[in-house]
PDB file of N, CA and C in Angstrom:
ATOM      1  N   MET A   1     -71.436 -81.314 -61.179  1.00  0.00           N
ATOM      2  CA  MET A   1     -71.408 -80.390 -60.818  1.00  0.00           C
ATOM      3  C   MET A   1     -69.785 -79.935 -61.065  1.00  0.00           C
ATOM      4  N   ASP A   2     -69.230 -78.167 -62.133  1.00  0.00           N
ATOM      5  CA  ASP A   2     -67.751 -78.010 -62.026  1.00  0.00           C
ATOM      6  C   ASP A   2     -67.262 -77.391 -60.880  1.00  0.00           C
ATOM      7  N   ASP A   3     -66.461 -76.709 -61.063  1.00  0.00           N
ATOM      8  CA  ASP A   3     -65.674 -76.496 -59.990  1.00  0.00           C
ATOM      9  C   ASP A   3     -65.773 -75.458 -58.935  1.00  0.00           C
ATOM     10  N   SER A   4     -66.679 -74.829 -59.789  1.00  0.00           N
ATOM     11  CA  SER A   4     -67.093 -73.609 -59.324  1.00  0.00           C
ATOM     12  C   SER A   4     -68.256 -73.404 -57.897  1.00  0.00           C
ATOM     13  N   ILE A   5     -68.174 -73.101 -57.310  1.00  0.00           N
ATOM     14  CA  ILE A   5     -69.613 -73.091 -56.218  1.00  0.00           C
ATOM     15  C   ILE A   5     -70.427 -72.391 -55.958  1.00  0.00           C
ATOM     16  N   ARG A   6     -71.652 -72.741 -56.178  1.00  0.00           N
ATOM     17  CA  ARG A   6     -72.462 -72.138 -56.582  1.00  0.00           C
ATOM     18  C   ARG A   6     -73.271 -71.248 -54.926  1.00  0.00           C
ATOM     19  N   VAL A   7     -73.753 -69.666 -54.739  1.00  0.00           N
ATOM     20  CA  VAL A   7     -73.932 -69.668 -53.910  1.00  0.00           C
ATOM     21  C   VAL A   7     -75.306 -69.234 -53.693  1.00  0.00           C
ATOM     22  N   VAL A   8     -75.988 -69.517 -52.836  1.00  0.00           N
ATOM     23  CA  VAL A   8     -77.421 -68.857 -52.344  1.00  0.00           C
ATOM     24  C   VAL A   8     -77.219 -68.102 -51.141  1.00  0.00           C
ATOM     25  N   GLU A   9     -78.135 -67.345 -51.293  1.00  0.00           N
ATOM     26  CA  GLU A   9     -78.586 -65.565 -50.482  1.00  0.00           C
ATOM     27  C   GLU A   9     -79.576 -65.856 -49.909  1.00  0.00           C
ATOM     28  N   PHE A  10     -80.244 -66.429 -48.801  1.00  0.00           N
ATOM     29  CA  PHE A  10     -81.234 -65.766 -47.955  1.00  0.00           C
ATOM     30  C   PHE A  10     -81.662 -65.054 -47.209  1.00  0.00           C
ATOM     31  N   TYR A  11     -82.529 -64.541 -46.723  1.00  0.00           N
ATOM     32  CA  TYR A  11     -82.828 -63.662 -46.132  1.00  0.00           C
ATOM     33  C   TYR A  11     -83.119 -64.489 -44.164  1.00  0.00           C
ATOM     34  N   GLU A  12     -82.320 -63.669 -43.902  1.00  0.00           N
ATOM     35  CA  GLU A  12     -82.570 -64.033 -41.798  1.00  0.00           C
ATOM     36  C   GLU A  12     -84.090 -64.605 -41.826  1.00  0.00           C
ATOM     37  N   GLY A  13     -84.647 -65.954 -41.310  1.00  0.00           N
ATOM     38  CA  GLY A  13     -85.857 -65.816 -40.924  1.00  0.00           C
ATOM     39  C   GLY A  13     -87.071 -66.678 -42.560  1.00  0.00           C
ATOM     40  N   GLU A  14     -86.228 -66.765 -43.799  1.00  0.00           N
ATOM     41  CA  GLU A  14     -86.588 -67.245 -44.503  1.00  0.00           C
ATOM     42  C   GLU A  14     -86.397 -68.856 -45.002  1.00  0.00           C
ATOM     43  N   GLU A  15     -87.705 -69.417 -45.262  1.00  0.00           N
ATOM     44  CA  GLU A  15     -87.482 -70.429 -45.555  1.00  0.00           C
ATOM     45  C   GLU A  15     -87.464 -71.204 -46.453  1.00  0.00           C
ATOM     46  N   ARG A  16     -86.882 -71.757 -47.277  1.00  0.00           N
ATOM     47  CA  ARG A  16     -86.858 -71.855 -48.954  1.00  0.00           C
ATOM     48  C   ARG A  16     -86.384 -73.132 -49.576  1.00  0.00           C
ATOM     49  N   VAL A  17     -87.140 -73.793 -50.738  1.00  0.00           N
ATOM     50  CA  VAL A  17     -86.494 -74.843 -51.192  1.00  0.00           C
ATOM     51  C   VAL A  17     -85.389 -74.876 -52.195  1.00  0.00           C
ATOM     52  N   ILE A  18     -83.866 -75.666 -51.594  1.00  0.00           N
ATOM     53  CA  ILE A  18     -82.884 -75.843 -52.672  1.00  0.00           C
ATOM     54  C   ILE A  18     -83.290 -77.069 -54.002  1.00  0.00           C
ATOM     55  N   GLU A  19     -82.997 -76.690 -54.993  1.00  0.00           N
ATOM     56  CA  GLU A  19     -83.283 -77.939 -55.746  1.00  0.00           C
ATOM     57  C   GLU A  19     -81.760 -78.167 -56.403  1.00  0.00           C
ATOM     58  N   SER A  20     -81.510 -79.722 -56.427  1.00  0.00           N
ATOM     59  CA  SER A  20     -80.229 -79.905 -57.205  1.00  0.00           C
ATOM     60  C   SER A  20     -80.457 -81.569 -57.804  1.00  0.00           C
ATOM     61  N   GLU A  21     -79.684 -81.385 -59.206  1.00  0.00           N
ATOM     62  CA  GLU A  21     -80.121 -82.223 -60.142  1.00  0.00           C
ATOM     63  C   GLU A  21     -78.674 -83.098 -60.240  1.00  0.00           C
ATOM     64  N   VAL A  22     -79.431 -84.719 -60.763  1.00  0.00           N
ATOM     65  CA  VAL A  22     -77.918 -85.641 -60.887  1.00  0.00           C
ATOM     66  C   VAL A  22     -78.279 -85.997 -62.936  1.00  0.00           C
ATOM     67  N   ALA A  23     -77.193 -85.879 -63.255  1.00  0.00           N
ATOM     68  CA  ALA A  23     -77.122 -86.599 -64.411  1.00  0.00           C
ATOM     69  C   ALA A  23     -76.060 -87.275 -65.073  1.00  0.00           C
ATOM     70  N   SER A  24     -76.162 -88.042 -66.058  1.00  0.00           N
ATOM     71  CA  SER A  24     -74.751 -89.306 -66.551  1.00  0.00           C
ATOM     72  C   SER A  24     -74.361 -88.508 -67.589  1.00  0.00           C
ATOM     73  N   CYS A  25     -73.342 -88.672 -67.638  1.00  0.00           N
ATOM     74  CA  CYS A  25     -72.571 -88.422 -68.457  1.00  0.00           C
ATOM     75  C   CYS A  25     -73.039 -88.857 -70.005  1.00  0.00           C
ATOM     76  N   ASP A  26     -72.813 -90.361 -69.670  1.00  0.00           N
ATOM     77  CA  ASP A  26     -73.643 -91.357 -70.976  1.00  0.00           C
ATOM     78  C   ASP A  26     -75.724 -91.194 -70.836  1.00  0.00           C
ATOM     79  N   ALA A  27     -75.677 -90.755 -72.250  1.00  0.00           N
ATOM     80  CA  ALA A  27     -77.322 -90.063 -71.922  1.00  0.00           C
ATOM     81  C   ALA A  27     -77.826 -91.807 -72.069  1.00  0.00           C
ATOM     82  N   ASN A  28     -77.619 -92.582 -72.615  1.00  0.00           N
ATOM     83  CA  ASN A  28     -78.201 -94.357 -72.304  1.00  0.00           C
ATOM     84  C   ASN A  28     -78.311 -94.611 -71.104  1.00  0.00           C
ATOM     85  N   GLU A  29     -77.837 -94.157 -70.702  1.00  0.00           N
ATOM     86  CA  GLU A  29     -77.620 -94.395 -69.105  1.00  0.00           C
ATOM     87  C   GLU A  29     -78.887 -94.052 -67.976  1.00  0.00           C
ATOM     88  N   VAL A  30     -79.933 -94.435 -67.560  1.00  0.00           N
ATOM     89  CA  VAL A  30     -81.086 -94.027 -66.680  1.00  0.00           C
ATOM     90  C   VAL A  30     -80.278 -93.709 -65.107  1.00  0.00           C
ATOM     91  N   VAL A  31     -80.666 -92.721 -64.667  1.00  0.00           N
ATOM     92  CA  VAL A  31     -80.232 -91.950 -63.457  1.00  0.00           C
ATOM     93  C   VAL A  31     -81.487 -92.401 -62.399  1.00  0.00           C
ATOM     94  N   VAL A  32     -81.341 -93.307 -61.384  1.00  0.00           N
ATOM     95  CA  VAL A  32     -82.417 -93.528 -59.975  1.00  0.00           C
ATOM     96  C   VAL A  32     -81.504 -93.297 -58.898  1.00  0.00           C
ATOM     97  N   ILE A  33     -81.533 -92.083 -58.026  1.00  0.00           N
ATOM     98  CA  ILE A  33     -81.353 -91.620 -56.997  1.00  0.00           C
ATOM     99  C   ILE A  33     -82.193 -92.451 -55.758  1.00  0.00           C
ATOM    100  N   SER A  34     -81.554 -93.648 -54.930  1.00  0.00           N
ATOM    101  CA  SER A  34     -82.446 -94.276 -54.431  1.00  0.00           C
ATOM    102  C   SER A  34     -82.274 -93.657 -52.839  1.00  0.00           C
ATOM    103  N   ASP A  35     -81.463 -92.251 -52.383  1.00  0.00           N
ATOM    104  CA  ASP A  35     -81.344 -91.460 -51.025  1.00  0.00           C
ATOM    105  C   ASP A  35     -80.820 -90.583 -51.495  1.00  0.00           C
ATOM    106  N   ALA A  36     -80.805 -89.406 -50.577  1.00  0.00           N
ATOM    107  CA  ALA A  36     -80.641 -88.250 -50.597  1.00  0.00           C
ATOM    108  C   ALA A  36     -80.798 -87.819 -49.179  1.00  0.00           C
ATOM    109  N   SER A  37     -79.532 -86.720 -48.833  1.00  0.00           N
ATOM    110  CA  SER A  37     -79.512 -85.815 -47.388  1.00  0.00           C
ATOM    111  C   SER A  37     -79.267 -84.718 -47.588  1.00  0.00           C
ATOM    112  N   TRP A  38     -79.224 -83.919 -46.698  1.00  0.00           N
ATOM    113  CA  TRP A  38     -78.294 -82.639 -47.002  1.00  0.00           C
ATOM    114  C   TRP A  38     -78.169 -82.440 -45.235  1.00  0.00           C
ATOM    115  N   THR A  39     -76.827 -81.588 -45.584  1.00  0.00           N
ATOM    116  CA  THR A  39     -76.520 -80.929 -44.016  1.00  0.00           C
ATOM    117  C   THR A  39     -76.042 -79.685 -44.065  1.00  0.00           C
ATOM    118  N   LEU A  40     -76.159 -78.953 -42.938  1.00  0.00           N
ATOM    119  CA  LEU A  40     -76.195 -77.140 -43.329  1.00  0.00           C
ATOM    120  C   LEU A  40     -74.672 -76.854 -42.242  1.00  0.00           C
ATOM    121  N   LYS A  41     -73.610 -76.775 -42.681  1.00  0.00           N
ATOM    122  CA  LYS A  41     -72.432 -76.499 -41.598  1.00  0.00           C
ATOM    123  C   LYS A  41     -72.466 -75.471 -41.584  1.00  0.00           C
ATOM    124  N   ASN A  42     -72.033 -75.015 -40.181  1.00  0.00           N
ATOM    125  CA  ASN A  42     -71.447 -73.399 -39.967  1.00  0.00           C
ATOM    126  C   ASN A  42     -69.772 -72.990 -40.471  1.00  0.00           C
ATOM    127  N   ARG A  43     -70.008 -72.235 -41.578  1.00  0.00           N
ATOM    128  CA  ARG A  43     -68.750 -71.913 -41.809  1.00  0.00           C
ATOM    129  C   ARG A  43     -67.714 -71.582 -40.525  1.00  0.00           C
ATOM    130  N   GLN A  44     -67.965 -70.408 -39.908  1.00  0.00           N
ATOM    131  CA  GLN A  44     -66.781 -70.349 -38.980  1.00  0.00           C
ATOM    132  C   GLN A  44     -66.909 -71.259 -37.477  1.00  0.00           C
ATOM    133  N   THR A  45     -68.182 -71.812 -36.891  1.00  0.00           N
ATOM    134  CA  THR A  45     -67.193 -72.903 -35.948  1.00  0.00           C
ATOM    135  C   THR A  45     -67.082 -74.371 -36.161  1.00  0.00           C
ATOM    136  N   GLY A  46     -67.780 -74.220 -37.449  1.00  0.00           N
ATOM    137  CA  GLY A  46     -67.955 -75.731 -38.264  1.00  0.00           C
ATOM    138  C   GLY A  46     -68.902 -76.792 -37.684  1.00  0.00           C
ATOM    139  N   GLU A  47     -69.827 -76.338 -36.856  1.00  0.00           N
ATOM    140  CA  GLU A  47     -70.258 -77.325 -36.530  1.00  0.00           C
ATOM    141  C   GLU A  47     -72.036 -77.189 -37.228  1.00  0.00           C
ATOM    142  N   ILE A  48     -72.412 -78.687 -37.700  1.00  0.00           N
ATOM    143  CA  ILE A  48     -73.615 -78.980 -37.915  1.00  0.00           C
ATOM    144  C   ILE A  48     -75.143 -78.726 -37.538  1.00  0.00           C
ATOM    145  N   GLU A  49     -75.685 -77.188 -38.444  1.00  0.00           N
ATOM    146  CA  GLU A  49     -76.949 -76.694 -37.046  1.00  0.00           C
ATOM    147  C   GLU A  49     -78.012 -77.064 -38.111  1.00  0.00           C
ATOM    148  N   LYS A  50     -78.039 -77.566 -39.430  1.00  0.00           N
ATOM    149  CA  LYS A  50     -79.383 -78.448 -39.582  1.00  0.00           C
ATOM    150  C   LYS A  50     -79.309 -79.495 -40.493  1.00  0.00           C
ATOM    151  N   SER A  51     -79.962 -80.813 -40.453  1.00  0.00           N
ATOM    152  CA  SER A  51     -80.122 -81.417 -41.674  1.00  0.00           C
ATOM    153  C   SER A  51     -81.060 -82.619 -42.043  1.00  0.00           C
ATOM    154  N   GLY A  52     -81.603 -82.795 -42.726  1.00  0.00           N
ATOM    155  CA  GLY A  52     -82.575 -83.427 -43.107  1.00  0.00           C
ATOM    156  C   GLY A  52     -82.464 -84.343 -44.668  1.00  0.00           C
ATOM    157  N   SER A  53     -83.101 -85.024 -44.766  1.00  0.00           N
ATOM    158  CA  SER A  53     -83.819 -86.024 -45.751  1.00  0.00           C
ATOM    159  C   SER A  53     -84.388 -84.923 -47.344  1.00  0.00           C
ATOM    160  N   CYS A  54     -83.836 -85.285 -48.188  1.00  0.00           N
ATOM    161  CA  CYS A  54     -84.279 -84.894 -49.379  1.00  0.00           C
ATOM    162  C   CYS A  54     -85.914 -85.135 -49.780  1.00  0.00           C
ATOM    163  N   GLU A  55     -86.207 -84.535 -50.463  1.00  0.00           N
ATOM    164  CA  GLU A  55     -87.368 -84.989 -50.850  1.00  0.00           C
ATOM    165  C   GLU A  55     -86.796 -85.085 -52.967  1.00  0.00           C
ATOM    166  N   ILE A  56     -87.065 -86.699 -53.424  1.00  0.00           N
ATOM    167  CA  ILE A  56     -86.146 -87.022 -54.726  1.00  0.00           C
ATOM    168  C   ILE A  56     -87.304 -87.177 -55.845  1.00  0.00           C
ATOM    169  N   ASP A  57     -87.616 -86.521 -56.728  1.00  0.00           N
ATOM    170  CA  ASP A  57     -88.288 -86.628 -57.615  1.00  0.00           C
ATOM    171  C   ASP A  57     -87.814 -87.399 -58.812  1.00  0.00           C
ATOM    172  N   GLY A  58     -88.001 -88.361 -59.340  1.00  0.00           N
ATOM    173  CA  GLY A  58     -87.032 -88.347 -60.633  1.00  0.00           C
ATOM    174  C   GLY A  58     -85.226 -88.420 -59.925  1.00  0.00           C
ATOM    175  N   VAL A  59     -84.329 -87.301 -60.932  1.00  0.00           N
ATOM    176  CA  VAL A  59     -83.246 -86.831 -61.082  1.00  0.00           C
ATOM    177  C   VAL A  59     -82.815 -85.385 -60.284  1.00  0.00           C
ATOM    178  N   THR A  60     -84.263 -85.194 -59.504  1.00  0.00           N
ATOM    179  CA  THR A  60     -84.065 -83.681 -58.924  1.00  0.00           C
ATOM    180  C   THR A  60     -84.125 -84.124 -57.428  1.00  0.00           C
ATOM    181  N   MET A  61     -83.244 -83.180 -56.735  1.00  0.00           N
ATOM    182  CA  MET A  61     -82.977 -83.585 -55.206  1.00  0.00           C
ATOM    183  C   MET A  61     -83.690 -82.096 -54.677  1.00  0.00           C
ATOM    184  N   ARG A  62     -84.815 -81.882 -53.364  1.00  0.00           N
ATOM    185  CA  ARG A  62     -85.135 -80.483 -53.210  1.00  0.00           C
ATOM    186  C   ARG A  62     -84.701 -80.939 -51.179  1.00  0.00           C
ATOM    187  N   CYS A  63     -84.072 -79.539 -51.208  1.00  0.00           N
ATOM    188  CA  CYS A  63     -84.145 -79.603 -49.129  1.00  0.00           C
ATOM    189  C   CYS A  63     -84.654 -78.299 -49.083  1.00  0.00           C
ATOM    190  N   PHE A  64     -85.489 -78.132 -47.864  1.00  0.00           N
ATOM    191  CA  PHE A  64     -85.784 -76.752 -47.433  1.00  0.00           C
ATOM    192  C   PHE A  64     -85.903 -77.067 -46.447  1.00  0.00           C
ATOM    193  N   PHE A  65     -85.286 -75.581 -45.656  1.00  0.00           N
ATOM    194  CA  PHE A  65     -84.822 -75.505 -44.614  1.00  0.00           C
ATOM    195  C   PHE A  65     -84.970 -73.900 -44.845  1.00  0.00           C
ATOM    196  N   GLY A  66     -84.535 -73.481 -43.686  1.00  0.00           N
ATOM    197  CA  GLY A  66     -84.450 -71.748 -43.237  1.00  0.00           C
ATOM    198  C   GLY A  66     -83.276 -71.581 -41.847  1.00  0.00           C
ATOM    199  N   MET A  67     -83.361 -70.220 -41.477  1.00  0.00           N
ATOM    200  CA  MET A  67     -82.027 -70.522 -40.495  1.00  0.00           C
ATOM    201  C   MET A  67     -82.671 -68.910 -39.917  1.00  0.00           C
ATOM    202  N   ASP A  68     -82.478 -68.800 -38.610  1.00  0.00           N
ATOM    203  CA  ASP A  68     -83.461 -67.281 -37.577  1.00  0.00           C
ATOM    204  C   ASP A  68     -81.935 -66.385 -37.161  1.00  0.00           C
ATOM    205  N   ILE A  69     -80.623 -67.052 -37.974  1.00  0.00           N
ATOM    206  CA  ILE A  69     -79.397 -66.261 -37.053  1.00  0.00           C
ATOM    207  C   ILE A  69     -78.710 -65.835 -38.985  1.00  0.00           C
ATOM    208  N   THR A  70     -77.663 -64.942 -38.856  1.00  0.00           N
ATOM    209  CA  THR A  70     -77.262 -64.691 -40.436  1.00  0.00           C
ATOM    210  C   THR A  70     -76.139 -65.258 -40.056  1.00  0.00           C
ATOM    211  N   GLY A  71     -75.240 -65.612 -41.186  1.00  0.00           N
ATOM    212  CA  GLY A  71     -74.175 -66.009 -41.479  1.00  0.00           C
ATOM    213  C   GLY A  71     -73.297 -66.696 -42.823  1.00  0.00           C
ATOM    214  N   ARG A  72     -72.803 -67.443 -42.427  1.00  0.00           N
ATOM    215  CA  ARG A  72     -72.493 -68.734 -43.975  1.00  0.00           C
ATOM    216  C   ARG A  72     -71.985 -69.831 -43.574  1.00  0.00           C
ATOM    217  N   PHE A  73     -72.808 -70.620 -44.411  1.00  0.00           N
ATOM    218  CA  PHE A  73     -73.246 -71.935 -44.258  1.00  0.00           C
ATOM    219  C   PHE A  73     -72.905 -72.808 -45.351  1.00  0.00           C
ATOM    220  N   ASP A  74     -72.567 -74.170 -45.455  1.00  0.00           N
ATOM    221  CA  ASP A  74     -72.024 -74.762 -46.526  1.00  0.00           C
ATOM    222  C   ASP A  74     -72.948 -75.995 -46.371  1.00  0.00           C
ATOM    223  N   LEU A  75     -73.584 -76.145 -47.568  1.00  0.00           N
ATOM    224  CA  LEU A  75     -75.101 -76.928 -47.490  1.00  0.00           C
ATOM    225  C   LEU A  75     -74.450 -78.025 -48.419  1.00  0.00           C
ATOM    226  N   GLU A  76     -74.525 -79.399 -47.981  1.00  0.00           N
ATOM    227  CA  GLU A  76     -73.682 -80.487 -48.384  1.00  0.00           C
ATOM    228  C   GLU A  76     -74.944 -81.457 -48.926  1.00  0.00           C
ATOM    229  N   ILE A  77     -75.224 -81.992 -50.322  1.00  0.00           N
ATOM    230  CA  ILE A  77     -76.324 -82.521 -50.360  1.00  0.00           C
ATOM    231  C   ILE A  77     -75.800 -84.560 -51.067  1.00  0.00           C
ATOM    232  N   THR A  78     -75.679 -85.446 -49.954  1.00  0.00           N
ATOM    233  CA  THR A  78     -75.539 -86.769 -50.211  1.00  0.00           C
ATOM    234  C   THR A  78     -76.513 -87.458 -50.719  1.00  0.00           C
ATOM    235  N   ALA A  79     -76.087 -87.953 -52.167  1.00  0.00           N
ATOM    236  CA  ALA A  79     -77.322 -88.995 -52.822  1.00  0.00           C
ATOM    237  C   ALA A  79     -76.824 -89.777 -52.828  1.00  0.00           C
ATOM    238  N   ARG A  80     -76.885 -91.536 -52.918  1.00  0.00           N
ATOM    239  CA  ARG A  80     -76.822 -92.638 -53.679  1.00  0.00           C
ATOM    240  C   ARG A  80     -77.626 -92.584 -54.787  1.00  0.00           C
ATOM    241  N   VAL A  81     -76.737 -93.347 -55.569  1.00  0.00           N
ATOM    242  CA  VAL A  81     -77.017 -93.375 -57.340  1.00  0.00           C
ATOM    243  C   VAL A  81     -76.388 -93.974 -57.938  1.00  0.00           C
ATOM    244  N   GLY A  82     -77.024 -95.871 -57.641  1.00  0.00           N
ATOM    245  CA  GLY A  82     -76.918 -97.199 -57.942  1.00  0.00           C
ATOM    246  C   GLY A  82     -75.943 -97.295 -56.787  1.00  0.00           C
ATOM    247  N   ARG A  83     -74.366 -98.141 -57.413  1.00  0.00           N
ATOM    248  CA  ARG A  83     -73.192 -97.976 -56.181  1.00  0.00           C
ATOM    249  C   ARG A  83     -72.733 -97.138 -55.774  1.00  0.00           C
ATOM    250  N   GLU A  84     -72.557 -95.902 -56.572  1.00  0.00           N
ATOM    251  CA  GLU A  84     -71.918 -94.312 -56.247  1.00  0.00           C
ATOM    252  C   GLU A  84     -72.772 -93.659 -55.461  1.00  0.00           C
ATOM    253  N   THR A  85     -72.048 -92.635 -54.155  1.00  0.00           N
ATOM    254  CA  THR A  85     -71.899 -91.532 -53.684  1.00  0.00           C
ATOM    255  C   THR A  85     -71.737 -90.584 -54.077  1.00  0.00           C
ATOM    256  N   ILE A  86     -72.799 -89.651 -54.560  1.00  0.00           N
ATOM    257  CA  ILE A  86     -72.354 -88.661 -54.943  1.00  0.00           C
ATOM    258  C   ILE A  86     -72.829 -87.191 -54.065  1.00  0.00           C
ATOM    259  N   LYS A  87     -71.853 -85.950 -53.801  1.00  0.00           N
ATOM    260  CA  LYS A  87     -71.938 -85.077 -53.183  1.00  0.00           C
ATOM    261  C   LYS A  87     -71.819 -83.934 -54.088  1.00  0.00           C
ATOM    262  N   GLN A  88     -72.632 -82.992 -53.799  1.00  0.00           N
ATOM    263  CA  GLN A  88     -73.370 -81.629 -54.314  1.00  0.00           C
ATOM    264  C   GLN A  88     -72.612 -80.457 -52.986  1.00  0.00           C
ATOM    265  N   ARG A  89     -72.289 -79.373 -53.278  1.00  0.00           N
ATOM    266  CA  ARG A  89     -71.647 -78.130 -52.249  1.00  0.00           C
ATOM    267  C   ARG A  89     -72.678 -77.303 -53.107  1.00  0.00           C
ATOM    268  N   ALA A  90     -72.675 -76.172 -51.973  1.00  0.00           N
ATOM    269  CA  ALA A  90     -72.972 -74.904 -52.200  1.00  0.00           C
ATOM    270  C   ALA A  90     -73.132 -74.285 -50.855  1.00  0.00           C
ATOM    271  N   LEU A  91     -72.587 -72.533 -51.096  1.00  0.00           N
ATOM    272  CA  LEU A  91     -72.359 -72.005 -49.905  1.00  0.00           C
ATOM    273  C   LEU A  91     -73.673 -71.621 -49.710  1.00  0.00           C
ATOM    274  N   VAL A  92     -74.236 -70.902 -48.688  1.00  0.00           N
ATOM    275  CA  VAL A  92     -75.314 -70.375 -48.621  1.00  0.00           C
ATOM    276  C   VAL A  92     -75.491 -69.356 -47.299  1.00  0.00           C
ATOM    277  N   LYS A  93     -75.711 -68.174 -47.837  1.00  0.00           N
ATOM    278  CA  LYS A  93     -75.101 -66.857 -47.423  1.00  0.00           C
ATOM    279  C   LYS A  93     -76.614 -66.237 -46.394  1.00  0.00           C
ATOM    280  N   PHE A  94     -76.734 -66.136 -45.590  1.00  0.00           N
ATOM    281  CA  PHE A  94     -78.365 -65.420 -44.103  1.00  0.00           C
ATOM    282  C   PHE A  94     -77.963 -64.399 -44.087  1.00  0.00           C
ATOM    283  N   ILE A  95     -78.184 -62.992 -44.474  1.00  0.00           N
ATOM    284  CA  ILE A  95     -78.197 -62.139 -44.352  1.00  0.00           C
ATOM    285  C   ILE A  95     -79.256 -61.060 -43.924  1.00  0.00           C
TER     286      ILE A  95
END
Protein backbone atom coordinates (compact mmCIF):
# COMPACT_ATOMS: atom_id res chain seq x y z
CA MET A 1 0.00 0.00 0.00
CA ASP A 2 1.36 3.45 -0.81
CA ASP A 3 1.71 6.35 1.64
CA SER A 4 -1.66 7.87 0.73
CA ILE A 5 -4.64 6.65 2.73
CA ARG A 6 -7.71 5.42 0.91
CA VAL A 7 -11.00 7.18 1.66
CA VAL A 8 -14.31 5.33 1.46
CA GLU A 9 -17.70 7.04 1.86
CA PHE A 10 -20.83 5.32 3.15
CA TYR A 11 -24.27 6.74 3.73
CA GLU A 12 -25.57 6.35 7.27
CA GLY A 13 -27.27 2.95 7.60
CA GLU A 14 -25.51 1.37 4.59
CA GLU A 15 -23.89 -2.04 4.93
CA ARG A 16 -21.19 -2.78 2.37
CA VAL A 17 -18.19 -4.93 1.56
CA ILE A 18 -14.67 -3.48 1.49
CA GLU A 19 -12.03 -5.54 -0.34
CA SER A 20 -8.28 -5.39 0.07
CA GLU A 21 -5.53 -7.42 -1.59
CA VAL A 22 -2.05 -8.52 -0.59
CA ALA A 23 0.70 -8.88 -3.19
CA SER A 24 4.38 -9.75 -3.06
CA CYS A 25 7.16 -7.66 -4.57
CA ASP A 26 8.61 -10.96 -5.81
CA ALA A 27 6.55 -12.15 -8.79
CA ASN A 28 7.61 -15.77 -8.10
CA GLU A 29 6.45 -15.77 -4.47
CA VAL A 30 3.10 -17.33 -3.67
CA VAL A 31 1.05 -15.25 -1.22
CA VAL A 32 -1.03 -17.20 1.30
CA ILE A 33 -3.20 -15.29 3.78
CA SER A 34 -3.68 -17.51 6.82
CA ASP A 35 -5.79 -15.11 8.90
CA ALA A 36 -7.27 -11.62 8.57
CA SER A 37 -9.37 -9.39 10.80
CA TRP A 38 -10.61 -5.79 10.85
CA THR A 39 -11.40 -3.02 13.33
CA LEU A 40 -13.35 0.18 12.86
CA LYS A 41 -12.15 2.90 15.26
CA ASN A 42 -14.01 6.17 15.85
CA ARG A 43 -11.61 9.03 14.98
CA GLN A 44 -13.25 11.38 17.49
CA THR A 45 -13.34 9.13 20.55
CA GLY A 46 -10.60 6.62 19.71
CA GLU A 47 -12.96 3.77 20.63
CA ILE A 48 -13.27 0.61 18.54
CA GLU A 49 -16.88 0.67 17.34
CA LYS A 50 -16.89 -2.64 15.44
CA SER A 51 -14.55 -5.51 14.61
CA GLY A 52 -14.65 -8.86 12.92
CA SER A 53 -12.95 -11.50 10.80
CA CYS A 54 -12.32 -11.03 7.10
CA GLU A 55 -13.48 -13.45 4.47
CA ILE A 56 -10.34 -14.68 2.67
CA ASP A 57 -10.33 -15.66 -1.01
CA GLY A 58 -6.83 -16.22 -2.36
CA VAL A 59 -5.03 -12.86 -1.97
CA THR A 60 -8.26 -10.92 -1.34
CA MET A 61 -9.70 -10.05 2.07
CA ARG A 62 -13.30 -8.87 2.45
CA CYS A 63 -14.83 -6.95 5.36
CA PHE A 64 -18.59 -6.47 5.70
CA PHE A 65 -19.94 -3.76 7.99
CA GLY A 66 -22.14 -0.71 8.34
CA MET A 67 -22.91 2.02 10.88
CA ASP A 68 -26.08 3.70 12.09
CA ILE A 69 -24.25 6.92 12.99
CA THR A 70 -22.33 9.51 11.01
CA GLY A 71 -18.66 10.33 11.49
CA ARG A 72 -15.12 9.44 10.49
CA PHE A 73 -13.63 6.07 11.30
CA ASP A 74 -10.29 4.34 10.77
CA LEU A 75 -10.62 0.90 9.19
CA GLU A 76 -7.60 -1.27 9.95
CA ILE A 77 -7.20 -4.69 8.35
CA THR A 78 -4.59 -7.00 9.87
CA ALA A 79 -3.47 -10.05 7.89
CA ARG A 80 -1.10 -12.93 8.60
CA VAL A 81 0.94 -13.85 5.51
CA GLY A 82 3.56 -16.48 6.26
CA ARG A 83 5.65 -15.16 9.18
CA GLU A 84 4.61 -11.56 8.51
CA THR A 85 1.80 -9.44 9.91
CA ILE A 86 0.56 -6.86 7.39
CA LYS A 87 -1.68 -3.91 8.24
CA GLN A 88 -3.70 -1.85 5.78
CA ARG A 89 -5.69 1.25 6.69
CA ALA A 90 -8.46 3.35 5.17
CA LEU A 91 -10.52 6.31 6.31
CA VAL A 92 -14.24 5.50 6.28
CA LYS A 93 -16.71 8.40 6.30
CA PHE A 94 -20.34 7.74 7.21
CA ILE A 95 -22.32 10.71 5.89
